[in-house]
Amino acid sequence: MPPLSKDFKDELRAKANASLQRHYKSLDDEAQNINHDLPSREMLASFTAHLRSSKRILVLIGAGLSASSGIPTYRSAGGFSRTFSDQQLATKGAFEDDPILVWQFYNYRRSQAKAALPNPAHHALAELAAKKPGLLSVNQNVDGLCQRAGHPSEQIINLHGSLFRVRCFDDACDYEEENYNIPIIPQLPVTEPPGVLDSADSRSATSGVSIDELPHCPKCRVNLLRPATVWFGEGLPEAKVNHLNGWLCGGDLETSVDANSAVQDKKVDLMLVIGTSATVWPAAGYIGRARKAGARLAFFNMEAKSAGVSRPEEDEWMFLGDAAELVPKALEGFLDGYGYVD
């Protein structure tokens, strides 16, 4: 069977993207029509009392934390460029097929992240971490906003990498470095990936740019550099997973415990689940482990789940609405008096 032509694959991508856009736009519209009640005084007082007494706190951060900063979530209509979705271009196969298009896509994402500012929730979490040395944040975002808000670096694991790091495309080569060049090369402009939905021409904006001009690994001098983010279909970095396991087993971030280890998790007092549906691994797994270790959970999301581990259980908290508003509101009872500034 002959391989599919690039034009035909681009057409399939565009049609799939249009269908996903319609689906997620309907979900966005539905979410916008939900009226959320502010948390009651009793709820805030109960949460604050438990937060004050908590020593070991696990925080799971999702895309909803940065939504108010202008960073679209993966599962929203705003998470799409004109022709392609993150799910279509954030893959190894897409990079092999068209590294110029993928780097143009990441040029655009990096420029979005650089232009964005940390919102009050980023700052409140950074303040909480500074006051609670037993807190560890597991960050699924790659935008760098937690770091820019001053979150202590030793208390955060950037599980999915960073938009501002690059690494060799060859997994056997261990080259990786920070990179803030926007655009990644001068020849590739910072624009949305080319084309309009259902357009037959998706190459116009990249004409005149050759693969040879893309950044190559300075160590092996053979392979291209790629964004150092975890793409769809890739496993999580083993070292980061082992460090997280070490913390769950009672150690600090320097303690590594293999993912398959039978060492029992130590007590966790509280877990905050912020801006993530937590319906896929590893998010769902960490929620289950924290509960098993004795944690009470507080969820900060635009909607409540009716089933699954991300549904609050008895004596847990559900803060419904924008994380940028609700996280500072929930934490202010504890942070009050520490000079928190948003």
Protein backbone atom coordinates (compact mmCIF):
# COMPACT_ATOMS: atom_id res chain seq x y z
CA MET A 1 0.00 0.00 0.00
CA PRO A 2 1.58 3.34 -1.01
CA PRO A 3 2.13 5.92 1.76
CA LEU A 4 -0.41 8.70 2.17
CA SER A 5 0.54 11.97 0.52
CA LYS A 6 1.28 15.00 2.69
CA ASP A 7 -1.64 16.92 1.19
CA PHE A 8 -4.06 14.09 2.01
CA LYS A 9 -2.75 13.80 5.58
CA ASP A 10 -3.09 17.56 6.04
CA GLU A 11 -6.67 17.35 4.82
CA LEU A 12 -7.45 14.56 7.28
CA ARG A 13 -5.88 16.59 10.10
CA ALA A 14 -7.96 19.64 9.21
CA LYS A 15 -11.23 17.69 9.08
CA ALA A 16 -10.52 15.93 12.39
CA ASN A 17 -9.59 19.27 13.96
CA ALA A 18 -12.81 20.91 12.75
CA SER A 19 -14.87 18.11 14.29
CA LEU A 20 -13.02 18.37 17.61
CA GLN A 21 -13.39 22.15 17.59
CA ARG A 22 -17.16 21.88 17.24
CA HIS A 23 -17.30 19.33 20.06
CA TYR A 24 -15.16 21.31 22.48
CA LYS A 25 -16.86 24.60 21.61
CA SER A 26 -20.18 23.08 22.64
CA LEU A 27 -18.59 22.03 25.95
CA ASP A 28 -17.14 25.55 26.40
CA ASP A 29 -20.53 27.12 25.74
CA GLU A 30 -22.16 24.78 28.22
CA ALA A 31 -19.56 25.58 30.89
CA GLN A 32 -20.01 29.33 30.38
CA ASN A 33 -23.70 28.99 31.16
CA ILE A 34 -23.11 27.37 34.54
CA ASN A 35 -23.60 29.71 37.50
CA HIS A 36 -21.23 28.85 40.33
CA ASP A 37 -22.07 29.73 43.92
CA LEU A 38 -19.28 31.24 45.96
CA PRO A 39 -17.89 28.93 48.65
CA SER A 40 -19.69 29.38 51.95
CA ARG A 41 -18.00 30.70 55.08
CA GLU A 42 -18.43 27.30 56.69
CA MET A 43 -16.72 25.57 53.75
CA LEU A 44 -13.83 28.04 53.75
CA ALA A 45 -13.41 27.78 57.52
CA SER A 46 -13.37 23.98 57.37
CA PHE A 47 -10.79 23.96 54.59
CA THR A 48 -8.59 26.59 56.27
CA ALA A 49 -8.57 24.67 59.55
CA HIS A 50 -7.40 21.52 57.82
CA LEU A 51 -4.84 23.42 55.74
CA ARG A 52 -3.33 24.98 58.86
CA SER A 53 -2.84 21.58 60.48
CA SER A 54 -1.51 19.91 57.31
CA LYS A 55 2.22 19.23 57.06
CA ARG A 56 2.46 17.08 53.92
CA ILE A 57 0.49 18.54 51.01
CA LEU A 58 0.37 17.27 47.43
CA VAL A 59 -0.81 19.65 44.69
CA LEU A 60 -1.82 18.42 41.24
CA ILE A 61 -1.82 21.26 38.70
CA GLY A 62 -3.62 21.13 35.36
CA ALA A 63 -4.26 23.45 32.43
CA GLY A 64 -7.18 25.14 34.17
CA LEU A 65 -4.74 26.95 36.47
CA SER A 66 -3.36 28.96 33.53
CA ALA A 67 -6.59 29.46 31.59
CA SER A 68 -7.17 32.94 33.04
CA SER A 69 -3.64 33.89 32.02
CA GLY A 70 -4.64 33.35 28.41
CA ILE A 71 -3.14 29.87 27.96
CA PRO A 72 -5.84 27.69 26.37
CA THR A 73 -6.45 24.22 27.73
CA TYR A 74 -6.01 21.15 25.56
CA ARG A 75 -9.69 20.30 25.83
CA SER A 76 -11.18 23.64 24.91
CA ALA A 77 -12.02 25.32 21.64
CA GLY A 78 -9.30 27.86 22.43
CA GLY A 79 -6.70 25.10 22.43
CA PHE A 80 -6.71 24.92 18.64
CA SER A 81 -4.86 26.82 16.00
CA ARG A 82 -6.66 27.51 12.77
CA THR A 83 -5.88 24.14 11.26
CA PHE A 84 -4.25 21.86 13.83
CA SER A 85 -4.82 20.80 17.42
CA ASP A 86 -2.19 20.05 20.05
CA GLN A 87 -3.16 16.39 19.86
CA GLN A 88 -2.29 16.34 16.17
CA LEU A 89 1.08 18.10 16.28
CA ALA A 90 2.45 17.24 19.74
CA THR A 91 3.57 13.79 18.64
CA LYS A 92 6.77 12.14 17.50
CA GLY A 93 5.13 11.06 14.27
CA ALA A 94 4.10 14.61 13.42
CA PHE A 95 7.67 15.82 13.98
CA GLU A 96 9.04 13.07 11.76
CA ASP A 97 6.51 13.97 9.05
CA ASP A 98 6.95 17.75 9.18
CA PRO A 99 9.38 19.20 11.74
CA ILE A 100 9.04 22.67 10.19
CA LEU A 101 5.29 22.73 10.83
CA VAL A 102 5.72 21.37 14.38
CA TRP A 103 8.37 23.99 15.20
CA GLN A 104 6.12 26.71 13.81
CA PHE A 105 3.38 25.41 16.09
CA TYR A 106 5.74 25.55 19.08
CA ASN A 107 6.97 29.02 18.08
CA TYR A 108 3.36 30.13 18.48
CA ARG A 109 2.86 28.30 21.79
CA ARG A 110 6.12 29.67 23.21
CA SER A 111 5.17 33.21 22.23
CA GLN A 112 1.77 32.76 23.92
CA ALA A 113 3.42 31.54 27.13
CA LYS A 114 6.02 34.31 27.14
CA ALA A 115 3.35 36.99 26.70
CA ALA A 116 1.16 35.55 29.47
CA LEU A 117 1.44 36.63 33.09
CA PRO A 118 1.00 34.49 36.22
CA ASN A 119 -2.48 34.97 37.64
CA PRO A 120 -3.44 35.27 41.34
CA ALA A 121 -3.69 31.48 41.71
CA HIS A 122 -0.07 31.00 40.59
CA HIS A 123 1.05 33.58 43.13
CA ALA A 124 -1.08 32.14 45.93
CA LEU A 125 0.31 28.65 45.35
CA ALA A 126 3.86 30.01 45.37
CA GLU A 127 3.17 31.72 48.70
CA LEU A 128 1.63 28.56 50.13
CA ALA A 129 4.65 26.48 49.08
CA ALA A 130 7.00 28.99 50.74
CA LYS A 131 5.04 28.72 54.00
CA LYS A 132 4.55 24.95 53.83
CA PRO A 133 7.95 23.25 53.30
CA GLY A 134 6.20 19.87 53.23
CA LEU A 135 4.25 20.83 50.08
CA LEU A 136 5.02 19.34 46.67
CA SER A 137 3.38 20.48 43.43
CA VAL A 138 3.06 18.12 40.47
CA ASN A 139 2.77 20.44 37.50
CA GLN A 140 1.26 19.13 34.26
CA ASN A 141 1.62 22.54 32.55
CA VAL A 142 4.58 23.48 30.36
CA ASP A 143 4.07 27.27 30.26
CA GLY A 144 6.53 28.23 33.04
CA LEU A 145 4.01 30.45 34.86
CA CYS A 146 4.40 28.70 38.24
CA GLN A 147 8.14 29.34 38.13
CA ARG A 148 7.64 32.97 37.12
CA ALA A 149 5.29 33.40 40.08
CA GLY A 150 8.13 32.35 42.38
CA HIS A 151 7.11 28.80 43.22
CA PRO A 152 10.11 27.26 45.04
CA SER A 153 11.91 25.12 42.46
CA GLU A 154 12.65 22.35 44.95
CA GLN A 155 8.92 21.98 45.64
CA ILE A 156 7.65 21.48 42.10
CA ILE A 157 7.99 18.68 39.58
CA ASN A 158 7.33 19.80 36.01
CA LEU A 159 6.04 16.41 34.98
CA HIS A 160 5.46 17.22 31.30
CA GLY A 161 8.59 19.28 30.73
CA SER A 162 8.81 22.88 29.56
CA LEU A 163 8.16 24.89 26.41
CA PHE A 164 11.45 26.63 27.08
CA ARG A 165 13.69 23.59 26.99
CA VAL A 166 14.86 21.67 23.92
CA ARG A 167 16.42 18.25 23.56
CA CYS A 168 17.79 15.94 20.92
CA PHE A 169 15.15 14.08 18.92
CA ASP A 170 17.14 10.87 19.39
CA ASP A 171 16.23 9.40 22.78
CA ALA A 172 19.65 7.75 22.94
CA CYS A 173 21.30 11.18 23.01
CA ASP A 174 20.95 12.89 26.39
CA TYR A 175 21.44 16.46 25.20
CA GLU A 176 18.97 18.96 26.70
CA GLU A 177 19.16 22.69 27.44
CA GLU A 178 17.09 25.77 28.19
CA ASN A 179 16.13 27.78 25.12
CA TYR A 180 14.14 31.02 25.02
CA ASN A 181 14.65 31.87 21.35
CA ILE A 182 11.37 33.06 19.84
CA PRO A 183 11.31 32.26 16.99
CA ILE A 184 13.44 29.15 17.34
CA ILE A 185 15.26 30.28 14.16
CA PRO A 186 14.95 33.73 12.52
CA GLN A 187 13.72 32.21 9.24
CA LEU A 188 10.61 30.74 10.88
CA PRO A 189 8.16 33.52 11.85
CA VAL A 190 6.05 33.51 14.98
CA THR A 191 2.63 32.95 13.48
CA GLU A 192 -0.10 30.40 13.87
CA PRO A 193 0.49 27.19 11.93
CA PRO A 194 -0.54 27.86 8.35
CA GLY A 195 -3.79 27.36 6.58
CA VAL A 196 -7.48 27.75 7.22
CA LEU A 197 -9.85 24.93 8.11
CA ASP A 198 -10.38 22.61 5.15
CA SER A 199 -7.82 24.52 3.10
CA ALA A 200 -5.87 22.42 0.61
CA ASP A 201 -2.78 24.59 1.04
CA SER A 202 -1.17 24.15 4.45
CA ARG A 203 2.43 24.82 3.39
CA SER A 204 2.38 28.45 2.28
CA ALA A 205 3.70 29.94 5.51
CA THR A 206 6.65 27.55 5.66
CA SER A 207 7.78 27.87 2.04
CA GLY A 208 11.42 28.83 1.74
CA VAL A 209 12.39 27.22 5.09
CA SER A 210 14.42 24.03 4.87
CA ILE A 211 14.85 21.30 7.47
CA ASP A 212 18.60 21.91 7.37
CA GLU A 213 17.97 25.37 8.84
CA LEU A 214 16.18 23.99 11.91
CA PRO A 215 18.29 23.71 15.09
CA HIS A 216 20.39 20.56 15.26
CA CYS A 217 21.78 18.83 18.33
CA PRO A 218 25.24 20.27 19.11
CA LYS A 219 26.26 17.03 20.82
CA CYS A 220 25.55 14.33 18.24
CA ARG A 221 25.49 16.82 15.32
CA VAL A 222 23.07 14.57 13.45
CA ASN A 223 19.56 14.93 14.81
CA LEU A 224 17.19 17.86 15.09
CA LEU A 225 16.39 19.51 18.39
CA ARG A 226 12.78 19.14 19.51
CA PRO A 227 10.73 20.74 22.30
CA ALA A 228 11.52 19.09 25.64
CA THR A 229 7.89 18.43 26.44
CA VAL A 230 6.14 15.10 26.84
CA TRP A 231 4.26 14.43 23.63
CA PHE A 232 1.16 12.32 23.23
CA GLY A 233 2.14 8.65 23.21
CA GLU A 234 5.37 9.20 25.19
CA GLY A 235 6.06 8.01 28.71
CA LEU A 236 6.76 10.38 31.59
CA PRO A 237 10.40 11.04 32.49
CA GLU A 238 11.50 8.20 34.74
CA ALA A 239 13.62 10.38 37.02
CA LYS A 240 10.71 12.73 37.74
CA VAL A 241 8.32 9.86 38.41
CA ASN A 242 10.83 8.25 40.76
CA HIS A 243 11.34 11.53 42.65
CA LEU A 244 7.59 11.87 43.07
CA ASN A 245 7.38 8.29 44.30
CA GLY A 246 10.15 9.07 46.75
CA TRP A 247 8.16 11.97 48.20
CA LEU A 248 5.01 9.87 48.45
CA CYS A 249 7.01 7.28 50.35
CA GLY A 250 8.09 9.89 52.88
CA GLY A 251 11.34 11.19 51.45
CA ASP A 252 12.32 14.54 49.98
CA LEU A 253 12.84 15.32 46.31
CA GLU A 254 16.35 13.87 46.45
CA THR A 255 14.90 10.48 47.36
CA SER A 256 14.14 8.29 44.38
CA VAL A 257 11.89 5.26 44.61
CA ASP A 258 11.33 3.08 41.56
CA ALA A 259 7.79 3.17 40.19
CA ASN A 260 7.48 -0.59 40.73
CA SER A 261 8.70 -0.45 44.32
CA ALA A 262 6.51 -2.00 46.99
CA VAL A 263 7.47 0.63 49.60
CA GLN A 264 4.32 1.90 51.30
CA ASP A 265 3.29 5.54 50.88
CA LYS A 266 3.59 7.70 54.00
CA LYS A 267 0.75 9.84 55.33
CA VAL A 268 -0.43 12.74 53.17
CA ASP A 269 -2.58 15.29 55.00
CA LEU A 270 -4.08 17.22 52.09
CA MET A 271 -4.19 17.15 48.30
CA LEU A 272 -5.22 20.06 46.09
CA VAL A 273 -6.42 19.15 42.59
CA ILE A 274 -6.43 22.34 40.52
CA GLY A 275 -7.67 22.82 36.97
CA THR A 276 -7.56 19.21 35.84
CA SER A 277 -10.24 16.63 35.15
CA ALA A 278 -7.84 13.96 36.46
CA THR A 279 -9.43 11.31 34.29
CA VAL A 280 -6.24 9.85 32.84
CA TRP A 281 -3.05 8.35 34.22
CA PRO A 282 -1.03 9.45 36.12
CA ALA A 283 -3.33 12.11 37.58
CA ALA A 284 -6.01 9.61 38.60
CA GLY A 285 -3.38 7.36 40.14
CA TYR A 286 -1.91 10.10 42.34
CA ILE A 287 -5.36 11.01 43.62
CA GLY A 288 -6.00 7.40 44.57
CA ARG A 289 -2.62 7.07 46.26
CA ALA A 290 -3.06 10.29 48.24
CA ARG A 291 -6.47 9.16 49.49
CA LYS A 292 -5.06 5.78 50.47
CA ALA A 293 -2.32 7.63 52.37
CA GLY A 294 -4.98 9.48 54.37
CA ALA A 295 -5.29 12.75 52.47
CA ARG A 296 -8.43 14.83 52.32
CA LEU A 297 -8.87 16.38 48.90
CA ALA A 298 -9.90 19.81 47.67
CA PHE A 299 -10.89 20.20 44.01
CA PHE A 300 -10.79 23.46 42.05
CA ASN A 301 -12.54 23.02 38.71
CA MET A 302 -15.12 24.60 36.43
CA GLU A 303 -17.42 21.60 36.89
CA ALA A 304 -17.87 18.74 39.29
CA LYS A 305 -17.40 15.20 38.08
CA SER A 306 -20.26 12.80 38.73
CA ALA A 307 -18.01 9.75 38.93
CA GLY A 308 -14.41 8.64 39.23
CA VAL A 309 -11.57 9.54 41.58
CA SER A 310 -11.94 13.27 40.84
CA ARG A 311 -15.35 13.32 42.49
CA PRO A 312 -15.21 14.68 46.07
CA GLU A 313 -15.89 12.17 48.78
CA GLU A 314 -17.34 12.81 52.22
CA ASP A 315 -15.40 15.47 54.16
CA GLU A 316 -13.69 16.74 50.98
CA TRP A 317 -14.11 20.10 49.26
CA MET A 318 -15.29 21.13 45.79
CA PHE A 319 -14.56 24.71 44.73
CA LEU A 320 -16.47 25.32 41.51
CA GLY A 321 -15.38 28.10 39.17
CA ASP A 322 -12.27 29.82 37.86
CA ALA A 323 -9.12 28.61 39.64
CA ALA A 324 -7.60 32.10 39.35
CA GLU A 325 -10.35 33.37 41.65
CA LEU A 326 -11.01 30.39 43.89
CA VAL A 327 -7.49 29.27 44.78
CA PRO A 328 -6.57 32.66 46.34
CA LYS A 329 -9.99 32.77 48.01
CA ALA A 330 -9.52 29.35 49.55
CA LEU A 331 -5.95 30.08 50.68
CA GLU A 332 -6.40 33.62 51.99
CA GLY A 333 -7.48 32.46 55.44
CA PHE A 334 -4.09 30.79 55.83
CA LEU A 335 -2.00 33.30 53.88
CA ASP A 336 -3.56 36.36 55.53
CA GLY A 337 -0.86 38.19 57.42
CA TYR A 338 2.01 36.83 55.31
CA GLY A 339 1.98 39.73 52.86
CA TYR A 340 0.42 37.88 49.94
CA VAL A 341 0.24 40.11 46.89
CA ASP A 342 -1.46 39.04 43.64
